[in-house]
C-alpha atoms as a PDB file:
ATOM      1  CA  MET A   1      21.520 -64.901 -23.895  1.00  0.00           C
ATOM      2  CA  GLU A   2      20.138 -65.893 -26.998  1.00  0.00           C
ATOM      3  CA  THR A   3      22.100 -69.384 -26.736  1.00  0.00           C
ATOM      4  CA  LEU A   4      20.677 -70.136 -23.267  1.00  0.00           C
ATOM      5  CA  VAL A   5      16.958 -69.876 -25.140  1.00  0.00           C
ATOM      6  CA  GLN A   6      18.003 -71.917 -28.332  1.00  0.00           C
ATOM      7  CA  PHE A   7      18.886 -74.711 -25.980  1.00  0.00           C
ATOM      8  CA  ILE A   8      16.189 -74.613 -22.931  1.00  0.00           C
ATOM      9  CA  ILE A   9      13.686 -75.024 -26.541  1.00  0.00           C
ATOM     10  CA  GLU A  10      16.274 -77.984 -27.819  1.00  0.00           C
ATOM     11  CA  PHE A  11      16.155 -79.711 -24.311  1.00  0.00           C
ATOM     12  CA  TRP A  12      12.587 -79.446 -23.509  1.00  0.00           C
ATOM     13  CA  GLU A  13      11.818 -81.070 -27.214  1.00  0.00           C
ATOM     14  CA  ARG A  14      14.028 -83.750 -26.305  1.00  0.00           C
ATOM     15  CA  LEU A  15      13.046 -83.941 -23.112  1.00  0.00           C
ATOM     16  CA  LEU A  16       8.727 -84.620 -24.592  1.00  0.00           C
ATOM     17  CA  PRO A  17       8.078 -88.101 -25.476  1.00  0.00           C
ATOM     18  CA  ILE A  18       5.804 -86.761 -28.166  1.00  0.00           C
ATOM     19  CA  VAL A  19       6.934 -84.991 -31.495  1.00  0.00           C
ATOM     20  CA  ILE A  20       4.220 -83.656 -34.070  1.00  0.00           C
ATOM     21  CA  ILE A  21       4.929 -83.723 -38.020  1.00  0.00           C
ATOM     22  CA  PRO A  22       3.115 -80.923 -40.036  1.00  0.00           C
ATOM     23  CA  PRO A  23       1.535 -82.500 -42.965  1.00  0.00           C
ATOM     24  CA  TRP A  24       3.806 -80.850 -45.194  1.00  0.00           C
ATOM     25  CA  GLN A  25       6.536 -82.974 -43.675  1.00  0.00           C
ATOM     26  CA  GLN A  26       7.270 -86.254 -44.243  1.00  0.00           C
ATOM     27  CA  GLY A  27      10.386 -88.139 -40.967  1.00  0.00           C
ATOM     28  CA  VAL A  28      12.212 -90.562 -39.891  1.00  0.00           C
ATOM     29  CA  ILE A  29      12.656 -91.295 -36.089  1.00  0.00           C
ATOM     30  CA  ALA A  30      16.565 -93.032 -35.452  1.00  0.00           C
ATOM     31  CA  HIS A  31      16.441 -95.290 -32.217  1.00  0.00           C
ATOM     32  CA  LEU A  32      20.181 -95.649 -30.879  1.00  0.00           C
ATOM     33  CA  SER A  33      21.992 -96.486 -33.912  1.00  0.00           C
ATOM     34  CA  MET A  34      20.615 -95.530 -37.914  1.00  0.00           C
ATOM     35  CA  GLU A  35      20.391 -98.101 -39.163  1.00  0.00           C
ATOM     36  CA  ARG A  36      18.691-100.267 -37.284  1.00  0.00           C
ATOM     37  CA  PHE A  37      16.201 -98.659 -35.251  1.00  0.00           C
ATOM     38  CA  THR A  38      15.594 -95.847 -38.431  1.00  0.00           C
ATOM     39  CA  ARG A  39      11.444 -96.084 -38.987  1.00  0.00           C
ATOM     40  CA  LYS A  40       9.990 -93.401 -41.046  1.00  0.00           C
ATOM     41  CA  VAL A  41       6.839 -91.593 -40.108  1.00  0.00           C
ATOM     42  CA  ASP A  42       4.333 -89.154 -42.041  1.00  0.00           C
ATOM     43  CA  SER A  43       2.899 -86.170 -40.375  1.00  0.00           C
ATOM     44  CA  GLY A  44       1.226 -86.696 -37.137  1.00  0.00           C
ATOM     45  CA  ILE A  45       1.151 -87.001 -33.777  1.00  0.00           C
ATOM     46  CA  HIS A  46       4.562 -90.396 -32.786  1.00  0.00           C
ATOM     47  CA  PHE A  47       5.685 -90.767 -29.383  1.00  0.00           C
ATOM     48  CA  LYS A  48       9.945 -91.262 -28.699  1.00  0.00           C
ATOM     49  CA  ILE A  49      11.619 -92.135 -26.442  1.00  0.00           C
ATOM     50  CA  PRO A  50      13.244 -89.139 -24.553  1.00  0.00           C
ATOM     51  CA  PHE A  51      17.064 -88.857 -25.171  1.00  0.00           C
ATOM     52  CA  ILE A  52      17.231 -91.795 -26.965  1.00  0.00           C
ATOM     53  CA  ASP A  53      15.358 -91.181 -30.240  1.00  0.00           C
ATOM     54  CA  GLU A  54      16.306 -88.124 -32.513  1.00  0.00           C
ATOM     55  CA  VAL A  55      13.564 -86.713 -34.951  1.00  0.00           C
ATOM     56  CA  ILE A  56      14.624 -85.533 -38.099  1.00  0.00           C
ATOM     57  CA  THR A  57      12.077 -84.204 -40.719  1.00  0.00           C
ATOM     58  CA  ALA A  58      12.441 -82.671 -43.953  1.00  0.00           C
ATOM     59  CA  GLU A  59       9.908 -81.388 -46.400  1.00  0.00           C
ATOM     60  CA  HIS A  60       8.038 -83.630 -48.934  1.00  0.00           C
ATOM     61  CA  LYS A  61       7.129 -80.625 -51.254  1.00  0.00           C
ATOM     62  CA  LEU A  62       8.513 -80.152 -54.565  1.00  0.00           C
ATOM     63  CA  GLN A  63      11.739 -77.905 -54.347  1.00  0.00           C
ATOM     64  CA  VAL A  64      13.577 -75.765 -57.076  1.00  0.00           C
ATOM     65  CA  GLN A  65      16.953 -76.068 -55.690  1.00  0.00           C
ATOM     66  CA  PRO A  66      19.449 -73.315 -58.159  1.00  0.00           C
ATOM     67  CA  LEU A  67      22.710 -74.419 -58.571  1.00  0.00           C
ATOM     68  CA  ARG A  68      25.710 -71.527 -59.077  1.00  0.00           C
ATOM     69  CA  THR A  69      26.741 -70.394 -61.979  1.00  0.00           C
ATOM     70  CA  GLN A  70      30.125 -72.143 -62.889  1.00  0.00           C
ATOM     71  CA  SER A  71      32.574 -71.355 -66.393  1.00  0.00           C
ATOM     72  CA  ILE A  72      33.235 -74.345 -68.290  1.00  0.00           C
ATOM     73  CA  ARG A  73      35.400 -74.535 -71.367  1.00  0.00           C
ATOM     74  CA  THR A  74      34.293 -76.492 -73.657  1.00  0.00           C
ATOM     75  CA  LEU A  75      35.760 -79.083 -76.366  1.00  0.00           C
ATOM     76  CA  ASP A  76      36.666 -76.149 -78.754  1.00  0.00           C
ATOM     77  CA  GLY A  77      38.006 -74.027 -76.201  1.00  0.00           C
ATOM     78  CA  VAL A  78      34.595 -71.508 -76.194  1.00  0.00           C
ATOM     79  CA  CYS A  79      34.315 -70.424 -72.423  1.00  0.00           C
ATOM     80  CA  LEU A  80      30.814 -70.970 -71.086  1.00  0.00           C
ATOM     81  CA  SER A  81      28.989 -69.853 -68.472  1.00  0.00           C
ATOM     82  CA  ILE A  82      26.177 -71.280 -66.993  1.00  0.00           C
ATOM     83  CA  THR A  83      23.245 -71.478 -64.554  1.00  0.00           C
ATOM     84  CA  GLY A  84      20.965 -73.729 -63.745  1.00  0.00           C
ATOM     85  CA  ALA A  85      18.229 -75.192 -61.584  1.00  0.00           C
ATOM     86  CA  LEU A  86      16.753 -78.433 -60.222  1.00  0.00           C
ATOM     87  CA  ARG A  87      13.493 -79.780 -59.254  1.00  0.00           C
ATOM     88  CA  TYR A  88      12.966 -82.205 -56.972  1.00  0.00           C
ATOM     89  CA  ARG A  89      10.833 -83.909 -53.893  1.00  0.00           C
ATOM     90  CA  ILE A  90      12.015 -86.920 -51.327  1.00  0.00           C
ATOM     91  CA  ASN A  91      10.351 -89.526 -52.110  1.00  0.00           C
ATOM     92  CA  ASP A  92      12.343 -91.170 -49.545  1.00  0.00           C
ATOM     93  CA  LEU A  93      13.601 -89.740 -46.342  1.00  0.00           C
ATOM     94  CA  LYS A  94      14.610 -92.898 -43.856  1.00  0.00           C
ATOM     95  CA  GLN A  95      16.818 -93.995 -47.350  1.00  0.00           C
ATOM     96  CA  THR A  96      17.323 -90.067 -47.616  1.00  0.00           C
ATOM     97  CA  VAL A  97      18.726 -89.897 -44.731  1.00  0.00           C
ATOM     98  CA  LEU A  98      21.373 -93.646 -44.089  1.00  0.00           C
ATOM     99  CA  THR A  99      22.850 -92.949 -47.962  1.00  0.00           C
ATOM    100  CA  VAL A 100      23.836 -89.062 -48.115  1.00  0.00           C
ATOM    101  CA  GLN A 101      24.729 -86.354 -45.827  1.00  0.00           C
ATOM    102  CA  ASP A 102      24.329 -82.880 -46.662  1.00  0.00           C
ATOM    103  CA  TRP A 103      20.899 -83.774 -49.609  1.00  0.00           C
ATOM    104  CA  ASP A 104      20.976 -80.514 -51.409  1.00  0.00           C
ATOM    105  CA  SER A 105      24.472 -79.691 -51.306  1.00  0.00           C
ATOM    106  CA  SER A 106      25.233 -83.609 -53.223  1.00  0.00           C
ATOM    107  CA  LEU A 107      22.198 -83.051 -55.686  1.00  0.00           C
ATOM    108  CA  GLN A 108      23.918 -79.507 -56.572  1.00  0.00           C
ATOM    109  CA  ASP A 109      27.587 -80.988 -57.029  1.00  0.00           C
ATOM    110  CA  LEU A 110      26.232 -83.882 -58.910  1.00  0.00           C
ATOM    111  CA  ALA A 111      24.499 -81.518 -61.057  1.00  0.00           C
ATOM    112  CA  LEU A 112      27.383 -79.361 -62.464  1.00  0.00           C
ATOM    113  CA  GLY A 113      29.725 -82.685 -62.075  1.00  0.00           C
ATOM    114  CA  LEU A 114      27.203 -83.739 -65.373  1.00  0.00           C
ATOM    115  CA  ILE A 115      27.405 -80.352 -66.754  1.00  0.00           C
ATOM    116  CA  THR A 116      30.944 -79.989 -66.707  1.00  0.00           C
ATOM    117  CA  GLU A 117      31.285 -83.382 -67.812  1.00  0.00           C
ATOM    118  CA  PHE A 118      29.134 -82.584 -70.740  1.00  0.00           C
ATOM    119  CA  VAL A 119      30.306 -79.326 -72.070  1.00  0.00           C
ATOM    120  CA  ASN A 120      34.643 -80.439 -71.544  1.00  0.00           C
ATOM    121  CA  THR A 121      33.509 -83.227 -74.020  1.00  0.00           C
ATOM    122  CA  HIS A 122      31.666 -81.504 -76.202  1.00  0.00           C
ATOM    123  CA  ASN A 123      31.815 -78.263 -79.367  1.00  0.00           C
ATOM    124  CA  ASP A 124      29.998 -75.336 -78.547  1.00  0.00           C
ATOM    125  CA  HIS A 125      28.576 -75.158 -81.102  1.00  0.00           C
ATOM    126  CA  ASN A 126      26.406 -78.661 -79.629  1.00  0.00           C
ATOM    127  CA  CYS A 127      26.172 -77.386 -76.369  1.00  0.00           C
ATOM    128  CA  THR A 128      22.629 -75.928 -76.244  1.00  0.00           C
ATOM    129  CA  VAL A 129      20.558 -75.531 -73.456  1.00  0.00           C
ATOM    130  CA  ALA A 130      18.251 -79.237 -74.830  1.00  0.00           C
ATOM    131  CA  ASN A 131      21.543 -81.006 -75.354  1.00  0.00           C
ATOM    132  CA  ILE A 132      22.495 -80.454 -71.538  1.00  0.00           C
ATOM    133  CA  GLN A 133      19.613 -80.481 -70.254  1.00  0.00           C
ATOM    134  CA  ARG A 134      19.351 -84.058 -71.908  1.00  0.00           C
ATOM    135  CA  HIS A 135      22.209 -85.322 -70.233  1.00  0.00           C
ATOM    136  CA  VAL A 136      21.635 -84.666 -66.901  1.00  0.00           C
ATOM    137  CA  MET A 137      18.692 -85.734 -66.496  1.00  0.00           C
ATOM    138  CA  SER A 138      19.638 -89.179 -68.269  1.00  0.00           C
ATOM    139  CA  ASN A 139      21.840 -89.603 -65.788  1.00  0.00           C
ATOM    140  CA  ILE A 140      21.099 -87.565 -62.433  1.00  0.00           C
ATOM    141  CA  GLY A 141      17.629 -89.779 -61.731  1.00  0.00           C
ATOM    142  CA  ASN A 142      19.552 -93.108 -61.117  1.00  0.00           C
ATOM    143  CA  ALA A 143      22.469 -91.357 -58.420  1.00  0.00           C
ATOM    144  CA  SER A 144      19.443 -89.773 -57.000  1.00  0.00           C
ATOM    145  CA  ARG A 145      17.101 -92.574 -56.714  1.00  0.00           C
ATOM    146  CA  GLY A 146      19.657 -94.650 -54.535  1.00  0.00           C
ATOM    147  CA  TRP A 147      19.105 -91.165 -52.740  1.00  0.00           C
ATOM    148  CA  GLY A 148      15.323 -91.363 -51.993  1.00  0.00           C
ATOM    149  CA  LEU A 149      14.536 -87.941 -54.105  1.00  0.00           C
ATOM    150  CA  ASP A 150      13.425 -87.453 -56.850  1.00  0.00           C
ATOM    151  CA  VAL A 151      14.548 -85.153 -59.794  1.00  0.00           C
ATOM    152  CA  GLN A 152      11.487 -83.904 -62.027  1.00  0.00           C
ATOM    153  CA  ASN A 153      13.483 -82.000 -64.260  1.00  0.00           C
ATOM    154  CA  PHE A 154      17.406 -79.977 -64.699  1.00  0.00           C
ATOM    155  CA  TYR A 155      16.672 -76.288 -66.341  1.00  0.00           C
ATOM    156  CA  VAL A 156      19.954 -73.929 -67.576  1.00  0.00           C
ATOM    157  CA  VAL A 157      18.726 -71.056 -66.994  1.00  0.00           C
ATOM    158  CA  ASP A 158      21.118 -69.000 -68.601  1.00  0.00           C
ATOM    159  CA  ILE A 159      24.126 -69.835 -70.724  1.00  0.00           C
ATOM    160  CA  VAL A 160      26.396 -67.148 -72.521  1.00  0.00           C
ATOM    161  CA  ASP A 161      30.367 -67.408 -73.707  1.00  0.00           C
ATOM    162  CA  HIS A 162      32.862 -64.851 -72.456  1.00  0.00           C
ATOM    163  CA  GLU A 163      36.615 -64.315 -72.488  1.00  0.00           C
ATOM    164  CA  VAL A 164      38.009 -65.298 -68.888  1.00  0.00           C
ATOM    165  CA  HIS A 165      40.872 -63.838 -68.070  1.00  0.00           C
ATOM    166  CA  ARG A 166      42.418 -64.787 -64.533  1.00  0.00           C
ATOM    167  CA  ILE A 167      45.163 -62.875 -62.650  1.00  0.00           C
ATOM    168  CA  THR A 168      47.368 -64.727 -59.464  1.00  0.00           C
ATOM    169  CA  GLY A 169      50.369 -63.857 -57.833  1.00  0.00           C
ATOM    170  CA  ILE A 170      50.392 -60.465 -57.332  1.00  0.00           C
ATOM    171  CA  SER A 171      50.941 -59.320 -54.204  1.00  0.00           C
ATOM    172  CA  LEU A 172      50.498 -55.760 -53.320  1.00  0.00           C
ATOM    173  CA  SER A 173      53.841 -54.676 -52.821  1.00  0.00           C
ATOM    174  CA  ASP A 174      53.243 -55.685 -56.638  1.00  0.00           C
ATOM    175  CA  MET A 175      50.801 -52.552 -57.198  1.00  0.00           C
ATOM    176  CA  GLY A 176      53.603 -49.968 -55.891  1.00  0.00           C
END
């Protein structure tokens, strides 16, 4: 029943020749081929061609995206667990939609890769919060601007050194 209701709502929204974008969002109306007939729209009431135009909206408010915790080994063999967060906003939704498929996930992966790159190439005593933040911010800004995003800050939320023990290859029959 819920699927039918969702289908009816989506069908009705596609049938209407107008779309209302609330003040906290921005939108892109894509017509036929995404790149050629795409236009940016701000909040307000906009006309669209039913079933031909697709409306994509996103918040243009400031967003904080948490990063999952990752365990990384430093150059001198110390294992660190690092958790972080990114503060960003979408500057150009059209550019974002046309250049990156899932901007939250892509931004997370980019930041996690930059953290790993820094920690793997530095000794434990150089892996300070300030050094990691500086490295991520100096490298993530250029990539995110190309995506229509503005990363305003990166935060190391937690950093801890620990030992890692991985157990692999155990089957239930080995356990007795």
